[in-house]
């Protein structure tokens, strides 16, 4: 799978009905905490603060609901610490059936 671009930030909007925790997924079984998000919030999460990821890592993004259900978007983005873009994601669904979906690349917020 080809990366959608080089990013330094996740720009996440929560249109779901649950608070959640956002993780980046680097490889099988390895998730790294990016931040939390509440219902109705749009949040820019700085990847330079995420421990365990390195320049050039291809990442996917995962949402974990307060009930323990999760969803991982299949889109790859590449973390680069001096990138000028972020990747936008939209959270929808419920705590029992969460969804996170890549939208597009956008300037940093």
N, C-alpha and C. Protein backbone atom coordinates (compact mmCIF):
# COMPACT_ATOMS: atom_id res chain seq x y z
N UNK A 1 0.84 -1.18 0.00
CA UNK A 1 0.00 0.00 0.00
C UNK A 1 0.89 1.24 0.00
N UNK A 2 0.53 2.25 -0.76
CA UNK A 2 1.29 3.48 -0.89
C UNK A 2 0.81 4.52 0.11
N UNK A 3 1.76 5.23 0.70
CA UNK A 3 1.44 6.30 1.64
C UNK A 3 0.72 7.45 0.93
N UNK A 4 -0.21 8.09 1.63
CA UNK A 4 -0.92 9.24 1.09
C UNK A 4 -0.12 10.53 1.20
N UNK A 5 0.97 10.51 1.98
CA UNK A 5 1.81 11.69 2.07
C UNK A 5 2.56 11.77 3.39
N UNK A 6 3.39 12.81 3.48
CA UNK A 6 4.23 13.05 4.65
C UNK A 6 3.49 13.98 5.62
N UNK A 7 3.39 13.57 6.87
CA UNK A 7 2.62 14.35 7.84
C UNK A 7 3.37 14.49 9.16
N UNK A 8 3.04 15.56 9.88
CA UNK A 8 3.59 15.81 11.21
C UNK A 8 2.49 15.87 12.26
N UNK A 9 1.26 15.84 11.83
CA UNK A 9 0.13 16.07 12.73
C UNK A 9 -1.07 15.24 12.28
N UNK A 10 -1.87 14.82 13.26
CA UNK A 10 -3.18 14.24 12.98
C UNK A 10 -4.21 15.29 13.33
N UNK A 11 -5.14 15.56 12.44
CA UNK A 11 -6.21 16.53 12.68
C UNK A 11 -7.49 15.71 12.73
N UNK A 12 -8.02 15.53 13.94
CA UNK A 12 -9.10 14.57 14.17
C UNK A 12 -10.37 15.30 14.61
N UNK A 13 -11.48 15.00 13.95
CA UNK A 13 -12.79 15.53 14.33
C UNK A 13 -13.65 14.38 14.83
N UNK A 14 -14.25 14.57 16.01
CA UNK A 14 -15.09 13.52 16.59
C UNK A 14 -16.57 13.86 16.41
N UNK A 15 -17.19 13.28 15.39
CA UNK A 15 -18.63 13.41 15.16
C UNK A 15 -19.37 12.19 15.69
N UNK A 16 -18.68 11.32 16.43
CA UNK A 16 -19.30 10.15 17.02
C UNK A 16 -20.05 10.51 18.29
N UNK A 17 -20.59 9.49 18.95
CA UNK A 17 -21.36 9.71 20.18
C UNK A 17 -20.59 9.22 21.40
N UNK A 18 -19.25 9.21 21.32
CA UNK A 18 -18.41 8.68 22.39
C UNK A 18 -17.10 9.45 22.47
N UNK A 19 -16.51 9.47 23.66
CA UNK A 19 -15.15 9.97 23.83
C UNK A 19 -14.21 8.83 23.48
N UNK A 20 -13.05 9.16 22.95
CA UNK A 20 -12.15 8.10 22.55
C UNK A 20 -10.69 8.46 22.72
N UNK A 21 -9.84 7.48 22.44
CA UNK A 21 -8.40 7.63 22.48
C UNK A 21 -7.85 7.30 21.11
N UNK A 22 -6.97 8.17 20.61
CA UNK A 22 -6.40 8.01 19.28
C UNK A 22 -4.99 7.43 19.41
N UNK A 23 -4.74 6.40 18.62
CA UNK A 23 -3.42 5.76 18.58
C UNK A 23 -2.91 5.76 17.14
N UNK A 24 -1.59 5.69 16.98
CA UNK A 24 -1.02 5.41 15.67
C UNK A 24 -0.52 3.97 15.70
N UNK A 25 -0.63 3.31 14.58
CA UNK A 25 -0.32 1.90 14.43
C UNK A 25 0.85 1.79 13.46
N UNK A 26 1.96 1.27 13.95
CA UNK A 26 3.18 1.20 13.13
C UNK A 26 3.35 -0.16 12.48
N UNK A 27 3.15 -1.22 13.21
CA UNK A 27 3.25 -2.56 12.65
C UNK A 27 2.46 -3.51 13.54
N UNK A 28 2.33 -4.72 13.13
CA UNK A 28 1.46 -5.68 13.81
C UNK A 28 1.61 -5.66 15.33
N UNK A 29 0.54 -5.30 16.00
CA UNK A 29 0.51 -5.33 17.45
C UNK A 29 1.18 -4.17 18.16
N UNK A 30 1.68 -3.18 17.43
CA UNK A 30 2.37 -2.06 18.06
C UNK A 30 1.58 -0.77 17.87
N UNK A 31 0.97 -0.29 18.96
CA UNK A 31 0.19 0.95 18.93
C UNK A 31 0.86 1.98 19.82
N UNK A 32 0.81 3.24 19.42
CA UNK A 32 1.41 4.32 20.18
C UNK A 32 0.35 5.39 20.44
N UNK A 33 0.25 5.82 21.68
CA UNK A 33 -0.75 6.80 22.09
C UNK A 33 -0.49 8.16 21.45
N UNK A 34 -1.51 8.71 20.77
CA UNK A 34 -1.41 10.04 20.18
C UNK A 34 -2.17 11.07 21.00
N UNK A 35 -3.29 10.69 21.62
CA UNK A 35 -4.06 11.62 22.44
C UNK A 35 -5.51 11.18 22.58
N UNK A 36 -6.25 11.95 23.35
CA UNK A 36 -7.67 11.65 23.54
C UNK A 36 -8.51 12.72 22.86
N UNK A 37 -9.80 12.38 22.65
CA UNK A 37 -10.70 13.31 21.98
C UNK A 37 -12.11 13.10 22.52
N UNK A 38 -12.82 14.20 22.74
CA UNK A 38 -14.18 14.14 23.26
C UNK A 38 -15.20 14.38 22.14
N UNK A 39 -16.44 14.06 22.42
CA UNK A 39 -17.53 14.25 21.46
C UNK A 39 -17.57 15.72 21.02
N UNK A 40 -17.67 15.94 19.71
CA UNK A 40 -17.80 17.28 19.16
C UNK A 40 -16.49 18.04 19.01
N UNK A 41 -15.40 17.48 19.42
CA UNK A 41 -14.10 18.17 19.40
C UNK A 41 -13.35 17.92 18.10
N UNK A 42 -12.62 18.95 17.64
CA UNK A 42 -11.62 18.79 16.59
C UNK A 42 -10.29 19.08 17.25
N UNK A 43 -9.35 18.18 17.05
CA UNK A 43 -8.08 18.29 17.78
C UNK A 43 -6.91 18.00 16.85
N UNK A 44 -5.88 18.84 16.94
CA UNK A 44 -4.63 18.60 16.22
C UNK A 44 -3.67 17.89 17.17
N UNK A 45 -3.25 16.70 16.80
CA UNK A 45 -2.36 15.90 17.63
C UNK A 45 -0.97 15.88 16.98
N UNK A 46 0.01 16.39 17.70
CA UNK A 46 1.37 16.56 17.22
C UNK A 46 2.12 15.23 17.29
N UNK A 47 2.47 14.69 16.15
CA UNK A 47 3.16 13.39 16.12
C UNK A 47 4.59 13.47 16.64
N UNK A 48 5.19 14.66 16.68
CA UNK A 48 6.55 14.78 17.20
C UNK A 48 6.60 14.45 18.69
N UNK A 49 5.45 14.43 19.36
CA UNK A 49 5.37 14.12 20.79
C UNK A 49 5.04 12.65 21.08
N UNK A 50 4.81 11.88 20.04
CA UNK A 50 4.44 10.48 20.22
C UNK A 50 5.71 9.64 20.36
N UNK A 51 5.86 9.01 21.52
CA UNK A 51 7.04 8.17 21.76
C UNK A 51 6.94 6.86 20.99
N UNK A 52 8.06 6.46 20.40
CA UNK A 52 8.12 5.16 19.73
C UNK A 52 8.03 5.22 18.22
N UNK A 53 7.70 6.38 17.65
CA UNK A 53 7.69 6.48 16.20
C UNK A 53 8.90 7.28 15.74
N UNK A 54 9.34 7.02 14.52
CA UNK A 54 10.55 7.63 13.98
C UNK A 54 10.28 8.22 12.61
N UNK A 55 11.11 9.18 12.21
CA UNK A 55 11.02 9.75 10.87
C UNK A 55 10.99 8.63 9.84
N UNK A 56 10.05 8.74 8.91
CA UNK A 56 9.94 7.76 7.84
C UNK A 56 9.02 6.59 8.13
N UNK A 57 8.52 6.50 9.37
CA UNK A 57 7.59 5.41 9.70
C UNK A 57 6.26 5.60 8.99
N UNK A 58 5.76 4.54 8.37
CA UNK A 58 4.41 4.53 7.81
C UNK A 58 3.44 4.19 8.92
N UNK A 59 2.38 4.98 9.04
CA UNK A 59 1.44 4.84 10.15
C UNK A 59 0.01 4.69 9.66
N UNK A 60 -0.78 4.00 10.46
CA UNK A 60 -2.25 3.99 10.33
C UNK A 60 -2.78 4.56 11.63
N UNK A 61 -4.04 5.00 11.63
CA UNK A 61 -4.61 5.62 12.82
C UNK A 61 -5.76 4.77 13.35
N UNK A 62 -5.81 4.64 14.69
CA UNK A 62 -6.80 3.80 15.37
C UNK A 62 -7.56 4.63 16.39
N UNK A 63 -8.87 4.39 16.52
CA UNK A 63 -9.68 4.98 17.58
C UNK A 63 -10.11 3.85 18.52
N UNK A 64 -10.00 4.12 19.81
CA UNK A 64 -10.44 3.19 20.84
C UNK A 64 -11.52 3.90 21.65
N UNK A 65 -12.71 3.31 21.73
CA UNK A 65 -13.80 3.94 22.46
C UNK A 65 -13.67 3.68 23.96
N UNK A 66 -14.45 4.42 24.72
CA UNK A 66 -14.45 4.26 26.17
C UNK A 66 -14.99 2.88 26.60
N UNK A 67 -15.66 2.17 25.69
CA UNK A 67 -16.15 0.82 25.98
C UNK A 67 -15.19 -0.27 25.53
N UNK A 68 -14.06 0.12 24.96
CA UNK A 68 -13.05 -0.85 24.56
C UNK A 68 -13.14 -1.32 23.12
N UNK A 69 -14.14 -0.88 22.37
CA UNK A 69 -14.23 -1.23 20.94
C UNK A 69 -13.27 -0.33 20.17
N UNK A 70 -12.76 -0.83 19.04
CA UNK A 70 -11.80 -0.05 18.28
C UNK A 70 -12.00 -0.21 16.79
N UNK A 71 -11.35 0.69 16.04
CA UNK A 71 -11.37 0.66 14.58
C UNK A 71 -10.07 1.28 14.11
N UNK A 72 -9.42 0.66 13.12
CA UNK A 72 -8.18 1.20 12.55
C UNK A 72 -8.41 1.53 11.08
N UNK A 73 -8.08 2.76 10.69
CA UNK A 73 -8.20 3.17 9.30
C UNK A 73 -7.09 2.49 8.50
N UNK A 74 -7.37 2.09 7.27
CA UNK A 74 -6.40 1.36 6.46
C UNK A 74 -5.44 2.25 5.69
N UNK A 75 -5.66 3.56 5.69
CA UNK A 75 -4.83 4.49 4.93
C UNK A 75 -3.48 4.68 5.60
N UNK A 76 -2.41 4.60 4.81
CA UNK A 76 -1.06 4.85 5.31
C UNK A 76 -0.68 6.31 5.12
N UNK A 77 -0.04 6.89 6.14
CA UNK A 77 0.61 8.19 6.03
C UNK A 77 2.03 8.00 6.58
N UNK A 78 2.95 8.83 6.14
CA UNK A 78 4.34 8.72 6.56
C UNK A 78 4.68 9.87 7.50
N UNK A 79 5.17 9.51 8.70
CA UNK A 79 5.56 10.53 9.68
C UNK A 79 6.91 11.12 9.29
N UNK A 80 6.95 12.46 9.16
CA UNK A 80 8.19 13.19 8.92
C UNK A 80 8.14 14.42 9.83
N UNK A 81 9.14 14.57 10.69
CA UNK A 81 9.09 15.58 11.75
C UNK A 81 9.06 17.02 11.24
N UNK A 82 9.50 17.27 10.01
CA UNK A 82 9.44 18.64 9.48
C UNK A 82 8.42 18.79 8.35
N UNK A 83 7.49 17.86 8.26
CA UNK A 83 6.44 17.95 7.23
C UNK A 83 5.59 19.19 7.46
N UNK A 84 4.99 19.69 6.39
CA UNK A 84 4.15 20.89 6.48
C UNK A 84 2.66 20.56 6.45
N UNK A 85 2.33 19.27 6.44
CA UNK A 85 0.92 18.86 6.39
C UNK A 85 0.56 17.98 7.57
N UNK A 86 -0.74 17.89 7.79
CA UNK A 86 -1.32 16.93 8.72
C UNK A 86 -2.29 16.06 7.96
N UNK A 87 -2.68 14.95 8.54
CA UNK A 87 -3.69 14.11 7.91
C UNK A 87 -4.98 14.24 8.71
N UNK A 88 -6.08 14.51 7.99
CA UNK A 88 -7.38 14.73 8.63
C UNK A 88 -8.16 13.42 8.70
N UNK A 89 -8.80 13.21 9.87
CA UNK A 89 -9.61 12.02 10.10
C UNK A 89 -10.95 12.42 10.70
N UNK A 90 -11.97 11.63 10.39
CA UNK A 90 -13.30 11.85 10.94
C UNK A 90 -13.72 10.61 11.73
N UNK A 91 -14.08 10.84 13.01
CA UNK A 91 -14.59 9.78 13.87
C UNK A 91 -16.11 9.82 13.83
N UNK A 92 -16.72 8.65 13.64
CA UNK A 92 -18.18 8.53 13.66
C UNK A 92 -18.54 7.25 14.42
N UNK A 93 -19.82 7.02 14.58
CA UNK A 93 -20.29 5.79 15.18
C UNK A 93 -20.57 5.92 16.67
N UNK A 94 -20.62 4.76 17.31
CA UNK A 94 -20.95 4.69 18.73
C UNK A 94 -19.80 4.03 19.48
N UNK A 95 -19.88 4.05 20.81
CA UNK A 95 -18.82 3.43 21.62
C UNK A 95 -18.72 1.93 21.33
N UNK A 96 -19.81 1.31 20.96
CA UNK A 96 -19.80 -0.11 20.64
C UNK A 96 -19.40 -0.42 19.21
N UNK A 97 -19.45 0.59 18.35
CA UNK A 97 -19.13 0.41 16.94
C UNK A 97 -18.48 1.69 16.39
N UNK A 98 -17.25 1.98 16.83
CA UNK A 98 -16.58 3.21 16.41
C UNK A 98 -16.01 3.10 15.00
N UNK A 99 -15.83 4.25 14.37
CA UNK A 99 -15.20 4.29 13.06
C UNK A 99 -14.30 5.52 12.98
N UNK A 100 -13.16 5.35 12.33
CA UNK A 100 -12.28 6.47 12.03
C UNK A 100 -11.90 6.36 10.57
N UNK A 101 -11.98 7.48 9.83
CA UNK A 101 -11.75 7.44 8.39
C UNK A 101 -10.88 8.62 7.96
N UNK A 102 -9.84 8.31 7.18
CA UNK A 102 -8.98 9.33 6.57
C UNK A 102 -9.83 10.19 5.65
N UNK A 103 -9.60 11.52 5.71
CA UNK A 103 -10.32 12.45 4.84
C UNK A 103 -9.40 13.01 3.75
N UNK A 104 -8.30 13.62 4.17
CA UNK A 104 -7.37 14.23 3.23
C UNK A 104 -6.16 14.78 3.98
N UNK A 105 -5.19 15.27 3.24
CA UNK A 105 -4.07 15.99 3.84
C UNK A 105 -4.45 17.46 3.90
N UNK A 106 -3.95 18.16 4.93
CA UNK A 106 -4.28 19.57 5.12
C UNK A 106 -3.10 20.27 5.77
N UNK A 107 -3.01 21.62 5.62
CA UNK A 107 -1.95 22.36 6.30
C UNK A 107 -2.04 22.15 7.81
N UNK A 108 -0.90 22.27 8.48
CA UNK A 108 -0.85 22.12 9.93
C UNK A 108 -1.76 23.12 10.61
N UNK A 109 -2.33 22.73 11.76
CA UNK A 109 -3.19 23.63 12.52
C UNK A 109 -2.47 24.10 13.77
